[in-house]
C-alpha atoms as a PDB file:
ATOM      1  CA  MET A   1     -15.933   8.416  30.706  1.00  0.00           C
ATOM      2  CA  PRO A   2     -18.361  11.038  30.889  1.00  0.00           C
ATOM      3  CA  TYR A   3     -21.098  12.662  29.327  1.00  0.00           C
ATOM      4  CA  ILE A   4     -21.087  15.649  27.136  1.00  0.00           C
ATOM      5  CA  VAL A   5     -24.691  17.305  27.197  1.00  0.00           C
ATOM      6  CA  THR A   6     -25.891  20.395  24.952  1.00  0.00           C
ATOM      7  CA  ASP A   7     -28.698  22.410  26.287  1.00  0.00           C
ATOM      8  CA  SER A   8     -29.727  24.896  23.733  1.00  0.00           C
ATOM      9  CA  ARG A   9     -32.885  27.466  24.041  1.00  0.00           C
ATOM     10  CA  TYR A  10     -34.283  29.773  21.435  1.00  0.00           C
ATOM     11  CA  PRO A  11     -37.093  31.738  20.549  1.00  0.00           C
ATOM     12  CA  SER A  12     -40.118  29.999  18.729  1.00  0.00           C
ATOM     13  CA  ASN A  13     -40.118  32.356  15.679  1.00  0.00           C
ATOM     14  CA  LYS A  14     -36.331  31.363  15.010  1.00  0.00           C
ATOM     15  CA  ALA A  15     -37.575  27.733  14.688  1.00  0.00           C
ATOM     16  CA  THR A  16     -36.914  27.599  10.926  1.00  0.00           C
ATOM     17  CA  GLU A  17     -33.682  29.368  10.985  1.00  0.00           C
ATOM     18  CA  VAL A  18     -32.332  26.980  13.806  1.00  0.00           C
ATOM     19  CA  GLY A  19     -33.497  24.088  11.688  1.00  0.00           C
ATOM     20  CA  THR A  20     -31.773  24.957   8.663  1.00  0.00           C
ATOM     21  CA  ARG A  21     -28.501  25.925  10.811  1.00  0.00           C
ATOM     22  CA  TYR A  22     -28.721  22.482  12.277  1.00  0.00           C
ATOM     23  CA  LEU A  23     -28.941  20.562   8.869  1.00  0.00           C
ATOM     24  CA  GLU A  24     -25.509  22.849   8.137  1.00  0.00           C
ATOM     25  CA  ALA A  25     -24.113  22.059  11.100  1.00  0.00           C
ATOM     26  CA  LEU A  26     -24.706  18.252  10.956  1.00  0.00           C
ATOM     27  CA  ALA A  27     -23.211  18.164   7.465  1.00  0.00           C
ATOM     28  CA  LYS A  28     -20.090  20.048   8.469  1.00  0.00           C
ATOM     29  CA  TYR A  29     -19.428  18.062  11.548  1.00  0.00           C
ATOM     30  CA  PRO A  30     -21.581  14.681  11.150  1.00  0.00           C
ATOM     31  CA  PRO A  31     -21.476  12.292  14.340  1.00  0.00           C
ATOM     32  CA  ASP A  32     -17.916  11.057  14.743  1.00  0.00           C
ATOM     33  CA  GLU A  33     -18.234   7.369  16.399  1.00  0.00           C
ATOM     34  CA  SER A  34     -14.520   7.359  17.326  1.00  0.00           C
ATOM     35  CA  LEU A  35     -15.374  10.138  19.894  1.00  0.00           C
ATOM     36  CA  THR A  36     -18.807   9.692  20.894  1.00  0.00           C
ATOM     37  CA  THR A  37     -21.456   7.689  20.924  1.00  0.00           C
ATOM     38  CA  GLU A  38     -24.991   9.612  20.665  1.00  0.00           C
ATOM     39  CA  VAL A  39     -27.267   8.691  23.742  1.00  0.00           C
ATOM     40  CA  VAL A  40     -29.683  11.342  22.818  1.00  0.00           C
ATOM     41  CA  PRO A  41     -28.981  13.117  19.442  1.00  0.00           C
ATOM     42  CA  ALA A  42     -31.542  15.625  19.871  1.00  0.00           C
ATOM     43  CA  ALA A  43     -34.562  15.970  22.199  1.00  0.00           C
ATOM     44  CA  VAL A  44     -36.793  19.062  21.480  1.00  0.00           C
ATOM     45  CA  THR A  45     -39.476  20.368  23.766  1.00  0.00           C
ATOM     46  CA  THR A  46     -41.426  23.539  23.785  1.00  0.00           C
ATOM     47  CA  THR A  47     -41.639  26.189  26.841  1.00  0.00           C
ATOM     48  CA  HIS A  48     -43.341  29.208  27.405  1.00  0.00           C
ATOM     49  CA  GLN A  49     -40.119  31.055  26.471  1.00  0.00           C
ATOM     50  CA  GLY A  50     -39.521  29.193  23.466  1.00  0.00           C
ATOM     51  CA  ILE A  51     -38.153  25.867  21.931  1.00  0.00           C
ATOM     52  CA  LYS A  52     -35.437  23.882  24.251  1.00  0.00           C
ATOM     53  CA  VAL A  53     -33.204  21.112  22.895  1.00  0.00           C
ATOM     54  CA  ILE A  54     -30.721  18.836  24.475  1.00  0.00           C
ATOM     55  CA  GLY A  55     -28.109  16.394  23.173  1.00  0.00           C
ATOM     56  CA  ILE A  56     -26.169  13.833  25.330  1.00  0.00           C
ATOM     57  CA  SER A  57     -23.184  12.152  24.112  1.00  0.00           C
ATOM     58  CA  ASP A  58     -20.914   9.193  25.750  1.00  0.00           C
ATOM     59  CA  VAL A  59     -17.366  10.056  25.542  1.00  0.00           C
ATOM     60  CA  LYS A  60     -15.068   7.349  24.435  1.00  0.00           C
ATOM     61  CA  ASP A  61     -11.948   6.557  26.583  1.00  0.00           C
ATOM     62  CA  GLY A  62      -9.327   9.596  26.001  1.00  0.00           C
ATOM     63  CA  LYS A  63     -11.204  11.506  23.789  1.00  0.00           C
ATOM     64  CA  LEU A  64     -12.878  13.956  25.970  1.00  0.00           C
ATOM     65  CA  GLU A  65     -10.897  17.158  24.882  1.00  0.00           C
ATOM     66  CA  GLU A  66     -11.327  16.268  21.474  1.00  0.00           C
ATOM     67  CA  ALA A  67     -15.207  15.421  21.801  1.00  0.00           C
ATOM     68  CA  LEU A  68     -15.710  18.446  23.903  1.00  0.00           C
ATOM     69  CA  ARG A  69     -13.846  20.700  20.628  1.00  0.00           C
ATOM     70  CA  ARG A  70     -16.089  19.287  18.235  1.00  0.00           C
ATOM     71  CA  ALA A  71     -19.436  20.019  20.251  1.00  0.00           C
ATOM     72  CA  ARG A  72     -18.156  23.615  20.863  1.00  0.00           C
ATOM     73  CA  ASP A  73     -17.347  23.845  17.072  1.00  0.00           C
ATOM     74  CA  PHE A  74     -20.578  22.576  16.307  1.00  0.00           C
ATOM     75  CA  MET A  75     -22.723  24.994  18.799  1.00  0.00           C
ATOM     76  CA  VAL A  76     -20.784  28.140  17.364  1.00  0.00           C
ATOM     77  CA  MET A  77     -22.456  27.583  13.933  1.00  0.00           C
ATOM     78  CA  PHE A  78     -25.676  29.063  15.822  1.00  0.00           C
ATOM     79  CA  HIS A  79     -23.909  32.363  17.263  1.00  0.00           C
ATOM     80  CA  SER A  80     -25.387  34.495  14.614  1.00  0.00           C
ATOM     81  CA  ILE A  81     -29.118  33.448  15.384  1.00  0.00           C
ATOM     82  CA  VAL A  82     -30.365  36.282  17.578  1.00  0.00           C
ATOM     83  CA  GLY A  83     -31.751  34.694  20.872  1.00  0.00           C
ATOM     84  CA  PHE A  84     -30.286  31.476  20.518  1.00  0.00           C
ATOM     85  CA  GLU A  85     -28.410  30.366  23.810  1.00  0.00           C
ATOM     86  CA  TYR A  86     -26.486  27.432  24.810  1.00  0.00           C
ATOM     87  CA  THR A  87     -24.567  25.456  27.306  1.00  0.00           C
ATOM     88  CA  VAL A  88     -21.863  22.608  26.865  1.00  0.00           C
ATOM     89  CA  ARG A  89     -21.185  20.696  29.932  1.00  0.00           C
ATOM     90  CA  VAL A  90     -19.363  17.701  31.212  1.00  0.00           C
ATOM     91  CA  TYR A  91     -21.229  15.271  33.329  1.00  0.00           C
ATOM     92  CA  SER A  92     -19.717  12.301  35.369  1.00  0.00           C
ATOM     93  CA  LYS A  93     -21.462   8.843  34.960  1.00  0.00           C
ATOM     94  CA  VAL A  94     -22.336   7.728  38.324  1.00  0.00           C
ATOM     95  CA  GLU A  95     -19.507   5.186  38.748  1.00  0.00           C
ATOM     96  CA  GLU A  96     -17.060   7.962  38.340  1.00  0.00           C
ATOM     97  CA  ALA A  97     -18.932  10.275  40.635  1.00  0.00           C
ATOM     98  CA  MET A  98     -19.129   7.652  43.449  1.00  0.00           C
ATOM     99  CA  ALA A  99     -15.214   6.766  42.811  1.00  0.00           C
ATOM    100  CA  SER A 100     -14.274  10.194  43.534  1.00  0.00           C
ATOM    101  CA  ILE A 101     -15.822   9.997  47.058  1.00  0.00           C
ATOM    102  CA  GLY A 102     -14.069   6.492  47.389  1.00  0.00           C
ATOM    103  CA  ILE A 103     -17.496   4.245  46.952  1.00  0.00           C
ATOM    104  CA  ASN A 104     -17.384   1.553  44.474  1.00  0.00           C
ATOM    105  CA  MET A 105     -20.577   0.656  42.524  1.00  0.00           C
ATOM    106  CA  PRO A 106     -21.461  -2.935  43.086  1.00  0.00           C
END
């Protein structure tokens, strides 16, 4: 199954607000290992535009729709923070991408 990748960005002056909201979101939506395995729960870096956070989850077979819904619900908790932007994307694993063009991995 694929990966769900979240990419968040926000102004540096919102770090405390985002951090507090993150803990609230984790309390409401703790990791659910029946849906995904967290490969990168949250990796944080700084940029000249603010702070960037990525998360990567490995989706269990047959759980993509439910895992996506959960990821979106988690991220909706940040909507009221001015300047907070994010994407939630599905990435194919290399084996899946290669199979889609008729090539099997060794």
